[in-house]
């Protein structure tokens, strides 16, 4: 039996990000990097993510348009 290990960075990549604070900012996470210099609470780690904006056209097709943007997120890593 082989054991697969994953990093938080690789688990975040490819996931959908939607900001709750900055309305309309959403897209697919392209890259994630841990930020040790940012404290966001006990049992949490901070990550800077690079997000490629995603929009839906009126025909229902998904479009990627605009420049990537960055955000800092907190990931719970313990109880």
C-alpha atoms as a PDB file:
ATOM      1  CA  UNK A   1       0.000   0.000   0.000  1.00  0.00           C
ATOM      2  CA  UNK A   2       1.380   3.401  -0.945  1.00  0.00           C
ATOM      3  CA  UNK A   3       0.634   6.434   1.164  1.00  0.00           C
ATOM      4  CA  UNK A   4      -0.030   9.691  -0.642  1.00  0.00           C
ATOM      5  CA  UNK A   5       0.822  12.910   1.102  1.00  0.00           C
ATOM      6  CA  UNK A   6      -0.480  16.289   0.070  1.00  0.00           C
ATOM      7  CA  UNK A   7       0.485  19.815   0.998  1.00  0.00           C
ATOM      8  CA  UNK A   8      -2.060  22.505   1.768  1.00  0.00           C
ATOM      9  CA  UNK A   9      -0.675  24.468  -1.193  1.00  0.00           C
ATOM     10  CA  UNK A  10      -1.423  21.690  -3.689  1.00  0.00           C
ATOM     11  CA  UNK A  11      -4.839  21.022  -2.156  1.00  0.00           C
ATOM     12  CA  UNK A  12      -5.811  24.691  -2.645  1.00  0.00           C
ATOM     13  CA  UNK A  13      -4.726  24.850  -6.302  1.00  0.00           C
ATOM     14  CA  UNK A  14      -7.615  24.417  -8.723  1.00  0.00           C
ATOM     15  CA  UNK A  15     -10.273  25.213  -6.120  1.00  0.00           C
ATOM     16  CA  UNK A  16     -12.822  28.002  -6.517  1.00  0.00           C
ATOM     17  CA  UNK A  17     -12.206  31.132  -4.417  1.00  0.00           C
ATOM     18  CA  UNK A  18     -14.973  33.641  -3.718  1.00  0.00           C
ATOM     19  CA  UNK A  19     -14.287  36.694  -1.571  1.00  0.00           C
ATOM     20  CA  UNK A  20     -16.816  37.513   1.116  1.00  0.00           C
ATOM     21  CA  UNK A  21     -15.303  40.961   1.689  1.00  0.00           C
ATOM     22  CA  UNK A  22     -14.601  42.166  -1.855  1.00  0.00           C
ATOM     23  CA  UNK A  23     -17.804  41.678  -3.812  1.00  0.00           C
ATOM     24  CA  UNK A  24     -17.462  40.161  -7.258  1.00  0.00           C
ATOM     25  CA  UNK A  25     -13.962  38.761  -6.802  1.00  0.00           C
ATOM     26  CA  UNK A  26     -13.977  35.079  -7.568  1.00  0.00           C
ATOM     27  CA  UNK A  27     -12.050  32.618  -9.643  1.00  0.00           C
ATOM     28  CA  UNK A  28      -9.811  29.571  -9.654  1.00  0.00           C
ATOM     29  CA  UNK A  29      -6.790  29.374  -7.326  1.00  0.00           C
ATOM     30  CA  UNK A  30      -3.652  29.089  -9.461  1.00  0.00           C
ATOM     31  CA  UNK A  31      -1.020  29.098  -6.733  1.00  0.00           C
ATOM     32  CA  UNK A  32      -0.799  29.158  -2.932  1.00  0.00           C
ATOM     33  CA  UNK A  33       2.115  30.040  -0.683  1.00  0.00           C
ATOM     34  CA  UNK A  34       2.312  29.844   3.110  1.00  0.00           C
ATOM     35  CA  UNK A  35       2.866  33.166   4.899  1.00  0.00           C
ATOM     36  CA  UNK A  36       4.653  32.488   8.162  1.00  0.00           C
ATOM     37  CA  UNK A  37       4.854  36.215   8.924  1.00  0.00           C
ATOM     38  CA  UNK A  38       1.048  36.545   9.181  1.00  0.00           C
ATOM     39  CA  UNK A  39      -0.708  35.372  12.343  1.00  0.00           C
ATOM     40  CA  UNK A  40      -4.417  34.671  11.931  1.00  0.00           C
ATOM     41  CA  UNK A  41      -5.255  32.830  15.114  1.00  0.00           C
ATOM     42  CA  UNK A  42      -4.507  29.667  17.018  1.00  0.00           C
ATOM     43  CA  UNK A  43      -4.664  26.515  14.859  1.00  0.00           C
ATOM     44  CA  UNK A  44      -4.746  28.548  11.634  1.00  0.00           C
ATOM     45  CA  UNK A  45      -2.119  29.220   8.967  1.00  0.00           C
ATOM     46  CA  UNK A  46      -2.138  32.103   6.490  1.00  0.00           C
ATOM     47  CA  UNK A  47      -1.682  31.548   2.751  1.00  0.00           C
ATOM     48  CA  UNK A  48      -1.358  33.998  -0.116  1.00  0.00           C
ATOM     49  CA  UNK A  49      -3.299  32.770  -3.107  1.00  0.00           C
ATOM     50  CA  UNK A  50      -3.137  33.803  -6.760  1.00  0.00           C
ATOM     51  CA  UNK A  51      -6.616  33.728  -8.308  1.00  0.00           C
ATOM     52  CA  UNK A  52      -7.543  33.776 -12.008  1.00  0.00           C
ATOM     53  CA  UNK A  53     -10.893  35.637 -12.355  1.00  0.00           C
ATOM     54  CA  UNK A  54     -13.776  33.591 -13.708  1.00  0.00           C
ATOM     55  CA  UNK A  55     -16.998  34.940 -15.155  1.00  0.00           C
ATOM     56  CA  UNK A  56     -20.060  33.326 -16.699  1.00  0.00           C
ATOM     57  CA  UNK A  57     -21.286  34.584 -20.059  1.00  0.00           C
ATOM     58  CA  UNK A  58     -24.964  34.989 -20.894  1.00  0.00           C
ATOM     59  CA  UNK A  59     -24.751  31.760 -22.922  1.00  0.00           C
ATOM     60  CA  UNK A  60     -23.591  29.889 -19.812  1.00  0.00           C
ATOM     61  CA  UNK A  61     -19.962  29.464 -20.928  1.00  0.00           C
ATOM     62  CA  UNK A  62     -17.225  30.054 -18.379  1.00  0.00           C
ATOM     63  CA  UNK A  63     -14.811  32.816 -19.349  1.00  0.00           C
ATOM     64  CA  UNK A  64     -11.461  33.697 -17.833  1.00  0.00           C
ATOM     65  CA  UNK A  65     -10.940  37.397 -18.202  1.00  0.00           C
ATOM     66  CA  UNK A  66      -8.796  40.025 -16.566  1.00  0.00           C
ATOM     67  CA  UNK A  67      -5.616  39.953 -14.552  1.00  0.00           C
ATOM     68  CA  UNK A  68      -4.997  37.518 -11.743  1.00  0.00           C
ATOM     69  CA  UNK A  69      -5.468  38.954  -8.260  1.00  0.00           C
ATOM     70  CA  UNK A  70      -4.056  37.968  -4.883  1.00  0.00           C
ATOM     71  CA  UNK A  71      -5.689  37.390  -1.520  1.00  0.00           C
ATOM     72  CA  UNK A  72      -4.654  36.128   1.898  1.00  0.00           C
ATOM     73  CA  UNK A  73      -6.703  33.320   3.389  1.00  0.00           C
ATOM     74  CA  UNK A  74      -6.656  31.464   6.721  1.00  0.00           C
ATOM     75  CA  UNK A  75      -6.642  27.661   6.741  1.00  0.00           C
ATOM     76  CA  UNK A  76      -7.573  25.738   9.886  1.00  0.00           C
ATOM     77  CA  UNK A  77      -4.851  23.192  10.650  1.00  0.00           C
ATOM     78  CA  UNK A  78      -5.820  21.957  14.119  1.00  0.00           C
ATOM     79  CA  UNK A  79      -8.564  21.687  16.691  1.00  0.00           C
END
